[in-house]
Amino acid sequence: MRRIAIVTAVLAALAGGGLAAPPAHASCIFVIVWHGRAYFAAGTPETPPHPGAPVRGAVEPDCADTGGPARPPTPIAARRISGVPPSLALLARDTVLIPSGYFPEVTNFLTGASLPSDKTRGCRLGGPVRITGKAQAAFGFLNVHVGDSTVRLHHLLRGAAHVEIDGHTRIQGLVRNGQPFIGDGQVVRVDARFCKVHGAIGTMIVARRIVPAGPIVAPPTADEVLGPYWRGGPGILSRATGGHSWPAYAALALLAAVAALLIVRRRSHRPGTG
């Protein structure tokens, strides 16, 4: 599990915060565990952050991308980033790592500055939509399992709508360490706009405001994100087979990447429908 097995394109959304998407090594992405939390590679900053003090106890889980048993994790040298809480970001192998649930394309988490990224650029805006449901966030992507919607949505991914987030998205009432944060399973209400890309299938759903619609959930533990066997043991189980493990997050990101490719390459329904 050192580098979760997904296509490299899934990480493109992480490049908006002044970070270059991390290069692929084999078929996984870089992940470490510290204080019971899983940190994923957000990329290499264009301007390297100032390293802070070393942290103790960081380990690197085995990749186990071949489907075999995972080996025990190995210790890894990791450091704080000067001026940034270690619960928000760490530095290892010249790579910035952040816990799942943060959105570095909304705010530069190294400086706190808002980012100008705009996912509606180059597409034609359609009507508004409000979606309510449980959120699943990973790698800067957000899927919402649709419990209620003001517009009938098409092209759902296993009952979930893929929601684009950019620098104009206001995430209110969902903050940790001063940064927008959405925990896995958090019930949210998303006010968004449809956005039609020429020659695409379906329409993008671009969030403009996200607020909690239920109790605030705690950040997920490494066991909840990576599964019970990241410390070494039998083959990894996914949520689809009844387990709680990192393949679910990999599947989320992969499905989001596939949806993005479909939006870019194929024809769409009319604006105002999903």
C-alpha atoms as a PDB file:
ATOM      1  CA  MET A   1       0.000   0.000   0.000  1.00  0.00           C
ATOM      2  CA  ARG A   2       2.983   2.393  -0.167  1.00  0.00           C
ATOM      3  CA  ARG A   3       1.448   4.009  -3.206  1.00  0.00           C
ATOM      4  CA  ILE A   4      -2.212   3.163  -3.601  1.00  0.00           C
ATOM      5  CA  ALA A   5      -2.911   1.337  -6.854  1.00  0.00           C
ATOM      6  CA  ILE A   6      -4.644   3.854  -9.117  1.00  0.00           C
ATOM      7  CA  VAL A   7      -3.852   5.672 -12.337  1.00  0.00           C
ATOM      8  CA  THR A   8      -1.608   8.705 -12.009  1.00  0.00           C
ATOM      9  CA  ALA A   9      -4.211  10.957 -13.649  1.00  0.00           C
ATOM     10  CA  VAL A  10      -6.347  10.714 -10.521  1.00  0.00           C
ATOM     11  CA  LEU A  11      -3.868  12.981  -8.756  1.00  0.00           C
ATOM     12  CA  ALA A  12      -4.172  15.836 -11.241  1.00  0.00           C
ATOM     13  CA  ALA A  13      -6.593  17.697  -8.978  1.00  0.00           C
ATOM     14  CA  LEU A  14      -3.915  17.949  -6.315  1.00  0.00           C
ATOM     15  CA  ALA A  15      -1.691  20.104  -8.503  1.00  0.00           C
ATOM     16  CA  GLY A  16      -3.789  23.243  -8.021  1.00  0.00           C
ATOM     17  CA  GLY A  17      -2.135  24.240  -4.731  1.00  0.00           C
ATOM     18  CA  GLY A  18       1.269  24.970  -6.193  1.00  0.00           C
ATOM     19  CA  LEU A  19       2.135  21.284  -6.091  1.00  0.00           C
ATOM     20  CA  ALA A  20       3.376  19.132  -8.911  1.00  0.00           C
ATOM     21  CA  ALA A  21       1.496  15.828  -9.050  1.00  0.00           C
ATOM     22  CA  PRO A  22       3.695  13.064  -7.603  1.00  0.00           C
ATOM     23  CA  PRO A  23       5.250  10.740 -10.175  1.00  0.00           C
ATOM     24  CA  ALA A  24       4.040   7.174 -10.385  1.00  0.00           C
ATOM     25  CA  HIS A  25       6.212   4.426  -8.978  1.00  0.00           C
ATOM     26  CA  ALA A  26       4.987   1.009 -10.044  1.00  0.00           C
ATOM     27  CA  SER A  27       1.190   1.189  -9.603  1.00  0.00           C
ATOM     28  CA  CYS A  28       0.806   2.858  -6.211  1.00  0.00           C
ATOM     29  CA  ILE A  29       1.049   6.295  -4.674  1.00  0.00           C
ATOM     30  CA  PHE A  30       3.051   7.308  -1.649  1.00  0.00           C
ATOM     31  CA  VAL A  31       1.262   6.949   1.708  1.00  0.00           C
ATOM     32  CA  ILE A  32       2.496   6.970   5.301  1.00  0.00           C
ATOM     33  CA  VAL A  33       0.808   6.540   8.680  1.00  0.00           C
ATOM     34  CA  TRP A  34       1.478   8.781  11.664  1.00  0.00           C
ATOM     35  CA  HIS A  35      -0.435   8.923  14.949  1.00  0.00           C
ATOM     36  CA  GLY A  36      -3.066   6.575  13.551  1.00  0.00           C
ATOM     37  CA  ARG A  37      -3.812   8.731  10.473  1.00  0.00           C
ATOM     38  CA  ALA A  38      -3.080   7.944   6.838  1.00  0.00           C
ATOM     39  CA  TYR A  39      -1.274  10.679   4.878  1.00  0.00           C
ATOM     40  CA  PHE A  40      -1.296  10.627   1.064  1.00  0.00           C
ATOM     41  CA  ALA A  41       1.163  12.241  -1.321  1.00  0.00           C
ATOM     42  CA  ALA A  42      -0.089  15.638  -2.478  1.00  0.00           C
ATOM     43  CA  GLY A  43       2.982  16.293  -4.604  1.00  0.00           C
ATOM     44  CA  THR A  44       6.238  18.207  -4.643  1.00  0.00           C
ATOM     45  CA  PRO A  45       5.912  21.972  -4.088  1.00  0.00           C
ATOM     46  CA  GLU A  46       7.310  24.276  -6.754  1.00  0.00           C
ATOM     47  CA  THR A  47       8.902  26.163  -3.866  1.00  0.00           C
ATOM     48  CA  PRO A  48      10.089  23.600  -1.298  1.00  0.00           C
ATOM     49  CA  PRO A  49       8.596  24.253   2.152  1.00  0.00           C
ATOM     50  CA  HIS A  50      10.923  24.831   5.066  1.00  0.00           C
ATOM     51  CA  PRO A  51      11.331  21.521   6.927  1.00  0.00           C
ATOM     52  CA  GLY A  52      10.484  21.548  10.607  1.00  0.00           C
ATOM     53  CA  ALA A  53      11.377  19.164  13.394  1.00  0.00           C
ATOM     54  CA  PRO A  54      11.360  15.415  12.783  1.00  0.00           C
ATOM     55  CA  VAL A  55       8.308  13.460  13.919  1.00  0.00           C
ATOM     56  CA  ARG A  56       8.561  10.091  15.578  1.00  0.00           C
ATOM     57  CA  GLY A  57       6.608   6.985  14.765  1.00  0.00           C
ATOM     58  CA  ALA A  58       5.858   7.511  11.061  1.00  0.00           C
ATOM     59  CA  VAL A  59       5.676   4.282   9.077  1.00  0.00           C
ATOM     60  CA  GLU A  60       5.210   3.363   5.441  1.00  0.00           C
ATOM     61  CA  PRO A  61       2.694   0.559   4.773  1.00  0.00           C
ATOM     62  CA  ASP A  62       3.509  -2.035   2.156  1.00  0.00           C
ATOM     63  CA  CYS A  63       2.061  -1.376  -1.311  1.00  0.00           C
ATOM     64  CA  ALA A  64       0.698  -4.924  -1.776  1.00  0.00           C
ATOM     65  CA  ASP A  65      -0.511  -3.924  -5.242  1.00  0.00           C
ATOM     66  CA  THR A  66      -0.157  -7.471  -6.569  1.00  0.00           C
ATOM     67  CA  GLY A  67      -2.992  -8.692  -4.357  1.00  0.00           C
ATOM     68  CA  GLY A  68      -0.760 -10.792  -2.119  1.00  0.00           C
ATOM     69  CA  PRO A  69      -0.379 -10.476   1.644  1.00  0.00           C
ATOM     70  CA  ALA A  70       0.863  -7.119   2.883  1.00  0.00           C
ATOM     71  CA  ARG A  71       4.239  -7.028   4.587  1.00  0.00           C
ATOM     72  CA  PRO A  72       4.581  -5.176   7.894  1.00  0.00           C
ATOM     73  CA  PRO A  73       5.077  -1.403   7.537  1.00  0.00           C
ATOM     74  CA  THR A  74       8.578   0.049   7.744  1.00  0.00           C
ATOM     75  CA  PRO A  75       9.724   3.151   9.650  1.00  0.00           C
ATOM     76  CA  ILE A  76      10.201   6.254   7.519  1.00  0.00           C
ATOM     77  CA  ALA A  77      11.870   9.593   8.209  1.00  0.00           C
ATOM     78  CA  ALA A  78       9.216  12.319   8.221  1.00  0.00           C
ATOM     79  CA  ARG A  79       9.274  15.926   9.340  1.00  0.00           C
ATOM     80  CA  ARG A  80       6.914  18.724  10.186  1.00  0.00           C
ATOM     81  CA  ILE A  81       6.551  21.631   7.760  1.00  0.00           C
ATOM     82  CA  SER A  82       7.484  24.932   9.337  1.00  0.00           C
ATOM     83  CA  GLY A  83       4.349  26.927  10.150  1.00  0.00           C
ATOM     84  CA  VAL A  84       1.960  24.069   9.312  1.00  0.00           C
ATOM     85  CA  PRO A  85       0.354  21.797  11.949  1.00  0.00           C
ATOM     86  CA  PRO A  86       1.605  18.203  11.582  1.00  0.00           C
ATOM     87  CA  SER A  87      -2.013  17.042  11.697  1.00  0.00           C
ATOM     88  CA  LEU A  88      -2.482  18.917   8.395  1.00  0.00           C
ATOM     89  CA  ALA A  89       0.672  18.032   6.471  1.00  0.00           C
ATOM     90  CA  LEU A  90       3.993  16.229   6.772  1.00  0.00           C
ATOM     91  CA  LEU A  91       7.121  16.131   4.643  1.00  0.00           C
ATOM     92  CA  ALA A  92       8.843  12.884   3.644  1.00  0.00           C
ATOM     93  CA  ARG A  93      11.208  12.199   0.743  1.00  0.00           C
ATOM     94  CA  ASP A  94      10.762  15.825  -0.368  1.00  0.00           C
ATOM     95  CA  THR A  95       7.041  15.120  -0.820  1.00  0.00           C
ATOM     96  CA  VAL A  96       4.158  16.837   0.962  1.00  0.00           C
ATOM     97  CA  LEU A  97       1.627  14.393   2.404  1.00  0.00           C
ATOM     98  CA  ILE A  98      -1.829  15.300   3.700  1.00  0.00           C
ATOM     99  CA  PRO A  99      -4.615  13.304   5.358  1.00  0.00           C
ATOM    100  CA  SER A 100      -7.575  12.266   3.245  1.00  0.00           C
ATOM    101  CA  GLY A 101     -10.498  14.687   3.445  1.00  0.00           C
ATOM    102  CA  TYR A 102      -8.638  17.929   2.759  1.00  0.00           C
ATOM    103  CA  PHE A 103      -8.951  19.814  -0.526  1.00  0.00           C
ATOM    104  CA  PRO A 104      -5.678  21.492  -1.532  1.00  0.00           C
ATOM    105  CA  GLU A 105      -7.273  22.829  -4.727  1.00  0.00           C
ATOM    106  CA  VAL A 106      -9.516  25.115  -2.623  1.00  0.00           C
ATOM    107  CA  THR A 107      -6.839  26.608  -0.361  1.00  0.00           C
ATOM    108  CA  ASN A 108      -3.064  26.471  -0.427  1.00  0.00           C
ATOM    109  CA  PHE A 109      -2.611  24.604   2.830  1.00  0.00           C
ATOM    110  CA  LEU A 110       1.032  25.706   3.042  1.00  0.00           C
ATOM    111  CA  THR A 111       0.152  29.417   3.019  1.00  0.00           C
ATOM    112  CA  GLY A 112      -3.584  29.559   3.792  1.00  0.00           C
ATOM    113  CA  ALA A 113      -4.224  31.583   0.621  1.00  0.00           C
ATOM    114  CA  SER A 114      -7.316  30.980  -1.493  1.00  0.00           C
ATOM    115  CA  LEU A 115      -6.639  29.555  -4.933  1.00  0.00           C
ATOM    116  CA  PRO A 116      -8.008  30.895  -8.229  1.00  0.00           C
ATOM    117  CA  SER A 117      -8.737  27.509  -9.798  1.00  0.00           C
ATOM    118  CA  ASP A 118     -12.011  27.455 -11.778  1.00  0.00           C
ATOM    119  CA  LYS A 119     -13.478  24.168 -13.011  1.00  0.00           C
ATOM    120  CA  THR A 120     -16.162  26.007 -15.029  1.00  0.00           C
ATOM    121  CA  ARG A 121     -13.602  27.567 -17.359  1.00  0.00           C
ATOM    122  CA  GLY A 122     -14.116  26.274 -20.888  1.00  0.00           C
ATOM    123  CA  CYS A 123     -17.586  24.837 -20.284  1.00  0.00           C
ATOM    124  CA  ARG A 124     -21.130  26.216 -20.612  1.00  0.00           C
ATOM    125  CA  LEU A 125     -22.985  26.750 -17.342  1.00  0.00           C
ATOM    126  CA  GLY A 126     -26.354  25.080 -16.912  1.00  0.00           C
ATOM    127  CA  GLY A 127     -28.901  25.266 -14.124  1.00  0.00           C
ATOM    128  CA  PRO A 128     -28.449  24.907 -10.378  1.00  0.00           C
ATOM    129  CA  VAL A 129     -28.801  21.691  -8.403  1.00  0.00           C
ATOM    130  CA  ARG A 130     -28.860  20.887  -4.698  1.00  0.00           C
ATOM    131  CA  ILE A 131     -27.680  17.435  -3.621  1.00  0.00           C
ATOM    132  CA  THR A 132     -27.868  15.982  -0.124  1.00  0.00           C
ATOM    133  CA  GLY A 133     -26.186  12.765   0.956  1.00  0.00           C
ATOM    134  CA  LYS A 134     -23.187  11.073   2.510  1.00  0.00           C
ATOM    135  CA  ALA A 135     -19.842  12.233   1.224  1.00  0.00           C
ATOM    136  CA  GLN A 136     -16.805  10.184   0.372  1.00  0.00           C
ATOM    137  CA  ALA A 137     -13.645  12.208  -0.122  1.00  0.00           C
ATOM    138  CA  ALA A 138     -10.203  11.065  -1.242  1.00  0.00           C
ATOM    139  CA  PHE A 139      -7.288  12.519  -3.212  1.00  0.00           C
ATOM    140  CA  GLY A 140      -9.074  15.857  -3.547  1.00  0.00           C
ATOM    141  CA  PHE A 141     -12.126  14.223  -5.143  1.00  0.00           C
ATOM    142  CA  LEU A 142     -15.614  14.264  -3.677  1.00  0.00           C
ATOM    143  CA  ASN A 143     -18.455  11.849  -4.348  1.00  0.00           C
ATOM    144  CA  VAL A 144     -21.867  12.292  -2.733  1.00  0.00           C
ATOM    145  CA  HIS A 145     -24.161   9.288  -2.360  1.00  0.00           C
ATOM    146  CA  VAL A 146     -27.394  10.894  -3.442  1.00  0.00           C
ATOM    147  CA  GLY A 147     -30.105  10.837  -0.807  1.00  0.00           C
ATOM    148  CA  ASP A 148     -31.992  13.778  -2.245  1.00  0.00           C
ATOM    149  CA  SER A 149     -31.578  15.987  -5.307  1.00  0.00           C
ATOM    150  CA  THR A 150     -33.547  18.876  -6.739  1.00  0.00           C
ATOM    151  CA  VAL A 151     -32.822  17.582 -10.258  1.00  0.00           C
ATOM    152  CA  ARG A 152     -32.903  14.005 -11.495  1.00  0.00           C
ATOM    153  CA  LEU A 153     -29.296  12.971 -11.971  1.00  0.00           C
ATOM    154  CA  HIS A 154     -27.926  10.653 -14.628  1.00  0.00           C
ATOM    155  CA  HIS A 155     -24.613   8.801 -14.882  1.00  0.00           C
ATOM    156  CA  LEU A 156     -24.330   8.153 -11.140  1.00  0.00           C
ATOM    157  CA  LEU A 157     -21.410   6.037  -9.991  1.00  0.00           C
ATOM    158  CA  ARG A 158     -22.971   3.338  -7.828  1.00  0.00           C
ATOM    159  CA  GLY A 159     -25.567   5.816  -6.631  1.00  0.00           C
ATOM    160  CA  ALA A 160     -23.036   8.597  -6.084  1.00  0.00           C
ATOM    161  CA  ALA A 161     -22.616  11.882  -7.917  1.00  0.00           C
ATOM    162  CA  HIS A 162     -19.092  13.059  -8.620  1.00  0.00           C
ATOM    163  CA  VAL A 163     -18.790  16.682  -7.511  1.00  0.00           C
ATOM    164  CA  GLU A 164     -16.031  18.972  -8.768  1.00  0.00           C
ATOM    165  CA  ILE A 165     -14.449  21.360  -6.259  1.00  0.00           C
ATOM    166  CA  ASP A 166     -12.410  24.429  -7.175  1.00  0.00           C
ATOM    167  CA  GLY A 167     -11.152  27.691  -5.756  1.00  0.00           C
ATOM    168  CA  HIS A 168     -14.646  29.216  -5.909  1.00  0.00           C
ATOM    169  CA  THR A 169     -16.248  26.459  -3.817  1.00  0.00           C
ATOM    170  CA  ARG A 170     -17.230  27.659  -0.346  1.00  0.00           C
ATOM    171  CA  ILE A 171     -16.981  24.845   2.204  1.00  0.00           C
ATOM    172  CA  GLN A 172     -18.668  26.188   5.334  1.00  0.00           C
ATOM    173  CA  GLY A 173     -18.994  24.589   8.750  1.00  0.00           C
ATOM    174  CA  LEU A 174     -16.604  21.806   7.764  1.00  0.00           C
ATOM    175  CA  VAL A 175     -13.160  22.867   8.938  1.00  0.00           C
ATOM    176  CA  ARG A 176     -10.188  21.229  10.646  1.00  0.00           C
ATOM    177  CA  ASN A 177      -6.877  22.921  11.344  1.00  0.00           C
ATOM    178  CA  GLY A 178      -8.267  26.037   9.691  1.00  0.00           C
ATOM    179  CA  GLN A 179      -8.734  24.236   6.353  1.00  0.00           C
ATOM    180  CA  PRO A 180     -11.813  22.850   4.541  1.00  0.00           C
ATOM    181  CA  PHE A 181     -12.245  19.218   5.544  1.00  0.00           C
ATOM    182  CA  ILE A 182     -14.946  16.651   4.782  1.00  0.00           C
ATOM    183  CA  GLY A 183     -14.814  13.383   6.691  1.00  0.00           C
ATOM    184  CA  ASP A 184     -15.800  10.076   5.153  1.00  0.00           C
ATOM    185  CA  GLY A 185     -19.526   9.499   5.622  1.00  0.00           C
ATOM    186  CA  GLN A 186     -20.272  13.134   6.445  1.00  0.00           C
ATOM    187  CA  VAL A 187     -23.791  14.076   5.377  1.00  0.00           C
ATOM    188  CA  VAL A 188     -23.512  17.235   3.294  1.00  0.00           C
ATOM    189  CA  ARG A 189     -25.707  19.580   1.301  1.00  0.00           C
ATOM    190  CA  VAL A 190     -24.119  20.690  -1.944  1.00  0.00           C
ATOM    191  CA  ASP A 191     -25.328  23.687  -3.938  1.00  0.00           C
ATOM    192  CA  ALA A 192     -23.825  23.345  -7.394  1.00  0.00           C
ATOM    193  CA  ARG A 193     -24.127  24.264 -11.052  1.00  0.00           C
ATOM    194  CA  PHE A 194     -24.177  21.964 -14.044  1.00  0.00           C
ATOM    195  CA  CYS A 195     -21.456  22.695 -16.555  1.00  0.00           C
ATOM    196  CA  LYS A 196     -21.491  21.254 -20.073  1.00  0.00           C
ATOM    197  CA  VAL A 197     -18.225  20.448 -21.800  1.00  0.00           C
ATOM    198  CA  HIS A 198     -18.448  20.375 -25.596  1.00  0.00           C
ATOM    199  CA  GLY A 199     -18.559  16.823 -26.973  1.00  0.00           C
ATOM    200  CA  ALA A 200     -18.943  15.202 -23.541  1.00  0.00           C
ATOM    201  CA  ILE A 201     -21.332  12.645 -22.088  1.00  0.00           C
ATOM    202  CA  GLY A 202     -23.175  13.954 -19.080  1.00  0.00           C
ATOM    203  CA  THR A 203     -22.476  17.296 -17.427  1.00  0.00           C
ATOM    204  CA  MET A 204     -20.037  18.232 -14.714  1.00  0.00           C
ATOM    205  CA  ILE A 205     -21.435  19.126 -11.318  1.00  0.00           C
ATOM    206  CA  VAL A 206     -19.341  21.971  -9.920  1.00  0.00           C
ATOM    207  CA  ALA A 207     -19.894  22.761  -6.257  1.00  0.00           C
ATOM    208  CA  ARG A 208     -20.337  26.372  -5.240  1.00  0.00           C
ATOM    209  CA  ARG A 209     -21.289  25.818  -1.602  1.00  0.00           C
ATOM    210  CA  ILE A 210     -20.999  22.789   0.681  1.00  0.00           C
ATOM    211  CA  VAL A 211     -22.392  22.709   4.227  1.00  0.00           C
ATOM    212  CA  PRO A 212     -22.989  19.929   6.749  1.00  0.00           C
ATOM    213  CA  ALA A 213     -26.459  18.371   6.745  1.00  0.00           C
ATOM    214  CA  GLY A 214     -25.808  16.094   9.701  1.00  0.00           C
ATOM    215  CA  PRO A 215     -23.528  15.688  12.718  1.00  0.00           C
ATOM    216  CA  ILE A 216     -19.838  16.344  12.089  1.00  0.00           C
ATOM    217  CA  VAL A 217     -17.986  13.056  11.747  1.00  0.00           C
ATOM    218  CA  ALA A 218     -14.541  12.369  13.155  1.00  0.00           C
ATOM    219  CA  PRO A 219     -11.561  12.112  10.796  1.00  0.00           C
ATOM    220  CA  PRO A 220     -11.038   8.526   9.627  1.00  0.00           C
ATOM    221  CA  THR A 221      -8.348   6.414  11.243  1.00  0.00           C
ATOM    222  CA  ALA A 222      -5.682   4.630   9.243  1.00  0.00           C
ATOM    223  CA  ASP A 223      -7.567   1.376   9.812  1.00  0.00           C
ATOM    224  CA  GLU A 224     -10.720   2.896   8.306  1.00  0.00           C
ATOM    225  CA  VAL A 225      -8.846   4.269   5.292  1.00  0.00           C
ATOM    226  CA  LEU A 226      -6.327   1.504   4.626  1.00  0.00           C
ATOM    227  CA  GLY A 227      -8.189  -1.473   6.056  1.00  0.00           C
ATOM    228  CA  PRO A 228      -7.340  -3.767   8.948  1.00  0.00           C
ATOM    229  CA  TYR A 229      -4.371  -5.425   7.250  1.00  0.00           C
ATOM    230  CA  TRP A 230      -2.139  -2.431   6.502  1.00  0.00           C
ATOM    231  CA  ARG A 231       0.059  -3.572   9.375  1.00  0.00           C
ATOM    232  CA  GLY A 232       0.621  -6.810   7.495  1.00  0.00           C
ATOM    233  CA  GLY A 233      -1.520  -9.870   7.030  1.00  0.00           C
ATOM    234  CA  PRO A 234      -4.015 -11.489   4.633  1.00  0.00           C
ATOM    235  CA  GLY A 235      -4.995 -10.023   1.278  1.00  0.00           C
ATOM    236  CA  ILE A 236      -6.746  -6.662   1.440  1.00  0.00           C
ATOM    237  CA  LEU A 237     -10.564  -6.576   1.451  1.00  0.00           C
ATOM    238  CA  SER A 238     -12.520  -3.770  -0.169  1.00  0.00           C
ATOM    239  CA  ARG A 239     -15.773  -2.262   0.995  1.00  0.00           C
ATOM    240  CA  ALA A 240     -17.431  -3.977  -1.917  1.00  0.00           C
ATOM    241  CA  THR A 241     -16.627  -7.303  -0.285  1.00  0.00           C
ATOM    242  CA  GLY A 242     -17.661  -6.180   3.182  1.00  0.00           C
ATOM    243  CA  GLY A 243     -14.332  -4.824   4.447  1.00  0.00           C
ATOM    244  CA  HIS A 244     -13.222  -1.266   5.098  1.00  0.00           C
ATOM    245  CA  SER A 245     -10.006  -0.710   3.231  1.00  0.00           C
ATOM    246  CA  TRP A 246      -8.046   1.536   0.899  1.00  0.00           C
ATOM    247  CA  PRO A 247      -9.267  -0.082  -2.341  1.00  0.00           C
ATOM    248  CA  ALA A 248     -12.569   1.687  -1.751  1.00  0.00           C
ATOM    249  CA  TYR A 249     -10.746   5.004  -1.914  1.00  0.00           C
ATOM    250  CA  ALA A 250      -8.781   3.859  -4.946  1.00  0.00           C
ATOM    251  CA  ALA A 251     -12.037   2.827  -6.614  1.00  0.00           C
ATOM    252  CA  LEU A 252     -13.578   6.214  -5.791  1.00  0.00           C
ATOM    253  CA  ALA A 253     -10.694   8.042  -7.402  1.00  0.00           C
ATOM    254  CA  LEU A 254     -10.585   5.702 -10.387  1.00  0.00           C
ATOM    255  CA  LEU A 255     -14.314   6.073 -11.007  1.00  0.00           C
ATOM    256  CA  ALA A 256     -13.916   9.850 -10.770  1.00  0.00           C
ATOM    257  CA  ALA A 257     -11.102   9.731 -13.301  1.00  0.00           C
ATOM    258  CA  VAL A 258     -13.219   7.616 -15.660  1.00  0.00           C
ATOM    259  CA  ALA A 259     -16.096  10.073 -15.277  1.00  0.00           C
ATOM    260  CA  ALA A 260     -13.767  12.949 -16.111  1.00  0.00           C
ATOM    261  CA  LEU A 261     -12.566  11.159 -19.231  1.00  0.00           C
ATOM    262  CA  LEU A 262     -16.146  10.532 -20.340  1.00  0.00           C
ATOM    263  CA  ILE A 263     -17.000  14.183 -19.795  1.00  0.00           C
ATOM    264  CA  VAL A 264     -14.100  15.257 -21.959  1.00  0.00           C
ATOM    265  CA  ARG A 265     -14.430  12.748 -24.762  1.00  0.00           C
ATOM    266  CA  ARG A 266     -18.091  12.029 -25.404  1.00  0.00           C
ATOM    267  CA  ARG A 267     -21.418  13.697 -26.034  1.00  0.00           C
ATOM    268  CA  SER A 268     -23.555  15.142 -23.254  1.00  0.00           C
ATOM    269  CA  HIS A 269     -27.128  15.496 -22.183  1.00  0.00           C
ATOM    270  CA  ARG A 270     -28.492  19.006 -22.345  1.00  0.00           C
ATOM    271  CA  PRO A 271     -27.239  21.484 -19.676  1.00  0.00           C
ATOM    272  CA  GLY A 272     -29.341  21.455 -16.543  1.00  0.00           C
ATOM    273  CA  THR A 273     -29.406  17.672 -16.184  1.00  0.00           C
ATOM    274  CA  GLY A 274     -26.729  15.420 -14.745  1.00  0.00           C
END
